[in-house]
């Protein structure tokens, strides 16, 4: 890793991932979305004398969930999760089309500072291989949610996630300057390009 300048240690990657979470948090604040951070969620359970449950990076506060409308020709389960969504399903506003639309309530958001590769098998001992089981756990505890991949994700993984009740988002609407500045220190070339 260090000879490829992809991080001298895990602290480099963790620092950039933390900055990515801050970018999402800034976006949520700008749009007046009320949430608890992962740390706030853990503090709350510890104050109550409980063990820490699995905690997404952001949990929407009661009454402050975000609702996306998905264009689809298939049915949704009664709990709002998708079944057999078309490949070209798209998030849209409720009033933008008269097509059949289905709401997906975002109760929580998870941040992943990597590309969600569809080719990595589910259950593989790496970050991408653990995504589906972790998201299923969150859905069973907290209902439907979203995962933001910094570098986007493959269509197959996005469809798998949607089937369990998680919409895959990319980071194109986020201001990532602070993440990129951090990355240039440990995975940038002489011209300032970030090496992925």
Protein backbone atom coordinates (compact mmCIF):
# COMPACT_ATOMS: atom_id res chain seq x y z
CA UNK A 1 0.00 0.00 0.00
CA UNK A 2 2.66 2.53 0.95
CA UNK A 3 4.77 1.89 -2.18
CA UNK A 4 1.68 2.56 -4.31
CA UNK A 5 0.94 5.68 -2.22
CA UNK A 6 -2.47 4.29 -1.30
CA UNK A 7 -2.05 5.12 2.36
CA UNK A 8 0.82 4.51 4.74
CA UNK A 9 -1.55 3.11 7.31
CA UNK A 10 -5.22 2.72 8.12
CA UNK A 11 -5.23 6.16 9.76
CA UNK A 12 -4.91 7.86 6.35
CA UNK A 13 -7.94 6.06 4.98
CA UNK A 14 -9.94 6.53 8.20
CA UNK A 15 -9.23 10.29 8.19
CA UNK A 16 -10.53 10.62 4.63
CA UNK A 17 -13.59 8.45 5.42
CA UNK A 18 -14.37 10.67 8.42
CA UNK A 19 -14.16 13.75 6.19
CA UNK A 20 -16.56 12.04 3.75
CA UNK A 21 -19.05 11.56 6.59
CA UNK A 22 -18.64 15.26 7.46
CA UNK A 23 -19.51 16.15 3.85
CA UNK A 24 -22.75 14.18 4.12
CA UNK A 25 -23.48 15.77 7.48
CA UNK A 26 -22.95 19.23 6.00
CA UNK A 27 -25.38 18.40 3.20
CA UNK A 28 -28.01 17.20 5.69
CA UNK A 29 -27.60 20.35 7.81
CA UNK A 30 -27.85 22.60 4.75
CA UNK A 31 -31.14 20.91 3.85
CA UNK A 32 -32.50 21.08 7.42
CA UNK A 33 -32.67 17.32 7.84
CA UNK A 34 -32.80 16.42 11.54
CA UNK A 35 -30.55 13.47 12.43
CA UNK A 36 -28.39 11.79 15.04
CA UNK A 37 -24.79 10.92 14.20
CA UNK A 38 -23.46 7.46 14.96
CA UNK A 39 -21.71 8.83 18.07
CA UNK A 40 -24.91 10.49 19.30
CA UNK A 41 -26.82 7.23 18.79
CA UNK A 42 -24.23 5.32 20.83
CA UNK A 43 -24.18 7.94 23.59
CA UNK A 44 -27.95 7.70 23.87
CA UNK A 45 -27.95 3.90 24.25
CA UNK A 46 -25.07 4.01 26.75
CA UNK A 47 -26.92 6.59 28.89
CA UNK A 48 -29.80 4.14 29.02
CA UNK A 49 -27.40 1.39 30.12
CA UNK A 50 -27.89 -0.59 26.92
CA UNK A 51 -25.36 -2.30 24.66
CA UNK A 52 -24.57 -0.49 21.43
CA UNK A 53 -26.81 -1.78 18.64
CA UNK A 54 -25.55 -1.63 15.06
CA UNK A 55 -25.57 2.08 14.22
CA UNK A 56 -25.68 3.67 10.78
CA UNK A 57 -23.68 6.85 10.25
CA UNK A 58 -26.86 8.99 10.38
CA UNK A 59 -30.26 8.20 11.85
CA UNK A 60 -33.13 10.49 10.96
CA UNK A 61 -34.89 11.85 14.04
CA UNK A 62 -38.49 10.80 14.62
CA UNK A 63 -40.77 12.61 12.23
CA UNK A 64 -37.85 13.76 10.06
CA UNK A 65 -37.41 10.88 7.63
CA UNK A 66 -36.73 11.71 4.00
CA UNK A 67 -39.05 10.32 1.34
CA UNK A 68 -37.86 9.46 -2.17
CA UNK A 69 -40.25 8.56 -4.96
CA UNK A 70 -39.05 5.78 -7.24
CA UNK A 71 -40.39 5.22 -10.72
CA UNK A 72 -41.02 1.52 -11.13
CA UNK A 73 -43.34 -0.89 -12.84
CA UNK A 74 -43.16 -3.43 -10.06
CA UNK A 75 -44.74 -3.81 -6.67
CA UNK A 76 -43.49 -2.77 -3.27
CA UNK A 77 -43.87 -4.77 -0.10
CA UNK A 78 -46.16 -3.33 2.55
CA UNK A 79 -43.11 -2.13 4.53
CA UNK A 80 -41.96 0.07 1.63
CA UNK A 81 -39.12 -2.11 0.34
CA UNK A 82 -38.75 -2.83 -3.33
CA UNK A 83 -39.37 -6.05 -5.20
CA UNK A 84 -38.23 -6.61 -8.80
CA UNK A 85 -37.44 -2.99 -9.59
CA UNK A 86 -36.75 -2.18 -13.24
CA UNK A 87 -33.14 -1.48 -14.24
CA UNK A 88 -34.01 2.10 -15.04
CA UNK A 89 -35.76 2.90 -11.78
CA UNK A 90 -34.95 6.46 -10.83
CA UNK A 91 -35.41 8.71 -7.85
CA UNK A 92 -37.70 11.58 -8.73
CA UNK A 93 -39.93 14.10 -7.11
CA UNK A 94 -43.51 13.13 -6.41
CA UNK A 95 -44.95 15.60 -8.91
CA UNK A 96 -42.50 15.18 -11.79
CA UNK A 97 -44.28 12.34 -13.54
CA UNK A 98 -47.62 10.62 -13.79
CA UNK A 99 -45.89 7.22 -14.02
CA UNK A 100 -46.52 4.68 -11.31
CA UNK A 101 -44.46 5.87 -8.34
CA UNK A 102 -43.60 4.27 -5.03
CA UNK A 103 -42.33 5.99 -1.90
CA UNK A 104 -39.17 4.84 -0.17
CA UNK A 105 -38.70 6.36 3.26
CA UNK A 106 -35.10 7.06 4.27
CA UNK A 107 -34.85 6.45 8.02
CA UNK A 108 -31.05 6.24 8.10
CA UNK A 109 -27.97 6.87 5.92
CA UNK A 110 -24.70 4.94 5.75
CA UNK A 111 -21.56 6.44 4.16
CA UNK A 112 -19.05 4.32 2.23
CA UNK A 113 -15.91 5.93 0.86
CA UNK A 114 -15.41 3.39 -1.92
CA UNK A 115 -16.96 2.17 -5.15
CA UNK A 116 -19.71 -0.39 -4.60
CA UNK A 117 -18.50 -3.10 -6.98
CA UNK A 118 -21.17 -5.54 -8.10
CA UNK A 119 -18.57 -8.18 -8.96
CA UNK A 120 -17.44 -8.74 -5.38
CA UNK A 121 -19.44 -11.67 -3.97
CA UNK A 122 -21.76 -11.07 -1.05
CA UNK A 123 -20.17 -12.31 2.18
CA UNK A 124 -16.57 -11.77 1.00
CA UNK A 125 -14.30 -10.68 3.87
CA UNK A 126 -13.89 -7.09 2.68
CA UNK A 127 -15.85 -3.86 2.91
CA UNK A 128 -17.93 -4.39 -0.24
CA UNK A 129 -18.67 -8.06 0.50
CA UNK A 130 -20.11 -7.09 3.89
CA UNK A 131 -22.44 -4.38 2.56
CA UNK A 132 -25.60 -6.45 1.95
CA UNK A 133 -25.62 -8.29 5.31
CA UNK A 134 -25.00 -5.03 7.20
CA UNK A 135 -27.73 -3.18 5.27
CA UNK A 136 -30.19 -6.06 5.88
CA UNK A 137 -29.43 -5.71 9.58
CA UNK A 138 -30.11 -1.97 9.51
CA UNK A 139 -33.38 -2.47 7.60
CA UNK A 140 -34.57 -5.09 10.11
CA UNK A 141 -33.83 -2.71 13.01
CA UNK A 142 -34.67 0.71 11.59
CA UNK A 143 -36.65 0.28 8.37
CA UNK A 144 -35.66 1.42 4.90
CA UNK A 145 -32.62 3.63 4.35
CA UNK A 146 -29.89 4.80 2.00
CA UNK A 147 -26.21 4.16 1.44
CA UNK A 148 -24.01 6.85 -0.11
CA UNK A 149 -21.05 5.46 -2.06
CA UNK A 150 -18.42 8.14 -2.62
CA UNK A 151 -17.53 6.70 -6.03
CA UNK A 152 -20.98 5.33 -6.98
CA UNK A 153 -21.84 1.67 -7.36
CA UNK A 154 -22.59 -0.98 -9.95
CA UNK A 155 -26.16 -1.56 -11.13
CA UNK A 156 -26.31 -5.13 -9.79
CA UNK A 157 -25.36 -4.05 -6.28
CA UNK A 158 -27.79 -1.12 -6.47
CA UNK A 159 -30.59 -3.53 -7.43
CA UNK A 160 -29.66 -5.96 -4.64
CA UNK A 161 -29.71 -3.11 -2.14
CA UNK A 162 -33.05 -1.80 -3.37
CA UNK A 163 -34.59 -5.27 -2.98
CA UNK A 164 -33.69 -5.26 0.73
CA UNK A 165 -34.97 -1.70 1.20
CA UNK A 166 -31.86 0.44 0.69
CA UNK A 167 -31.41 3.01 -2.06
CA UNK A 168 -27.84 3.41 -3.35
CA UNK A 169 -26.77 7.03 -3.84
CA UNK A 170 -23.56 8.57 -5.11
CA UNK A 171 -21.77 11.66 -3.86
CA UNK A 172 -22.13 13.89 -6.90
CA UNK A 173 -24.24 16.48 -5.03
CA UNK A 174 -21.75 16.73 -2.13
CA UNK A 175 -18.90 19.18 -1.74
CA UNK A 176 -15.94 16.77 -1.45
CA UNK A 177 -13.11 19.33 -1.44
CA UNK A 178 -12.04 18.50 2.13
CA UNK A 179 -11.92 14.74 1.36
CA UNK A 180 -9.91 15.30 -1.80
CA UNK A 181 -7.50 17.64 -0.01
CA UNK A 182 -6.93 14.95 2.60
CA UNK A 183 -6.46 12.24 -0.05
CA UNK A 184 -3.91 14.28 -2.01
CA UNK A 185 -1.59 14.07 1.02
CA UNK A 186 -1.33 10.30 0.83
CA UNK A 187 -2.64 9.07 -2.51
CA UNK A 188 -1.96 11.94 -4.88
CA UNK A 189 0.58 12.22 -7.65
CA UNK A 190 2.99 15.12 -8.32
CA UNK A 191 0.28 16.95 -10.30
CA UNK A 192 -2.34 16.71 -7.54
CA UNK A 193 -4.36 13.91 -9.14
CA UNK A 194 -5.89 11.51 -6.64
CA UNK A 195 -5.00 7.88 -7.33
CA UNK A 196 -7.84 5.47 -6.68
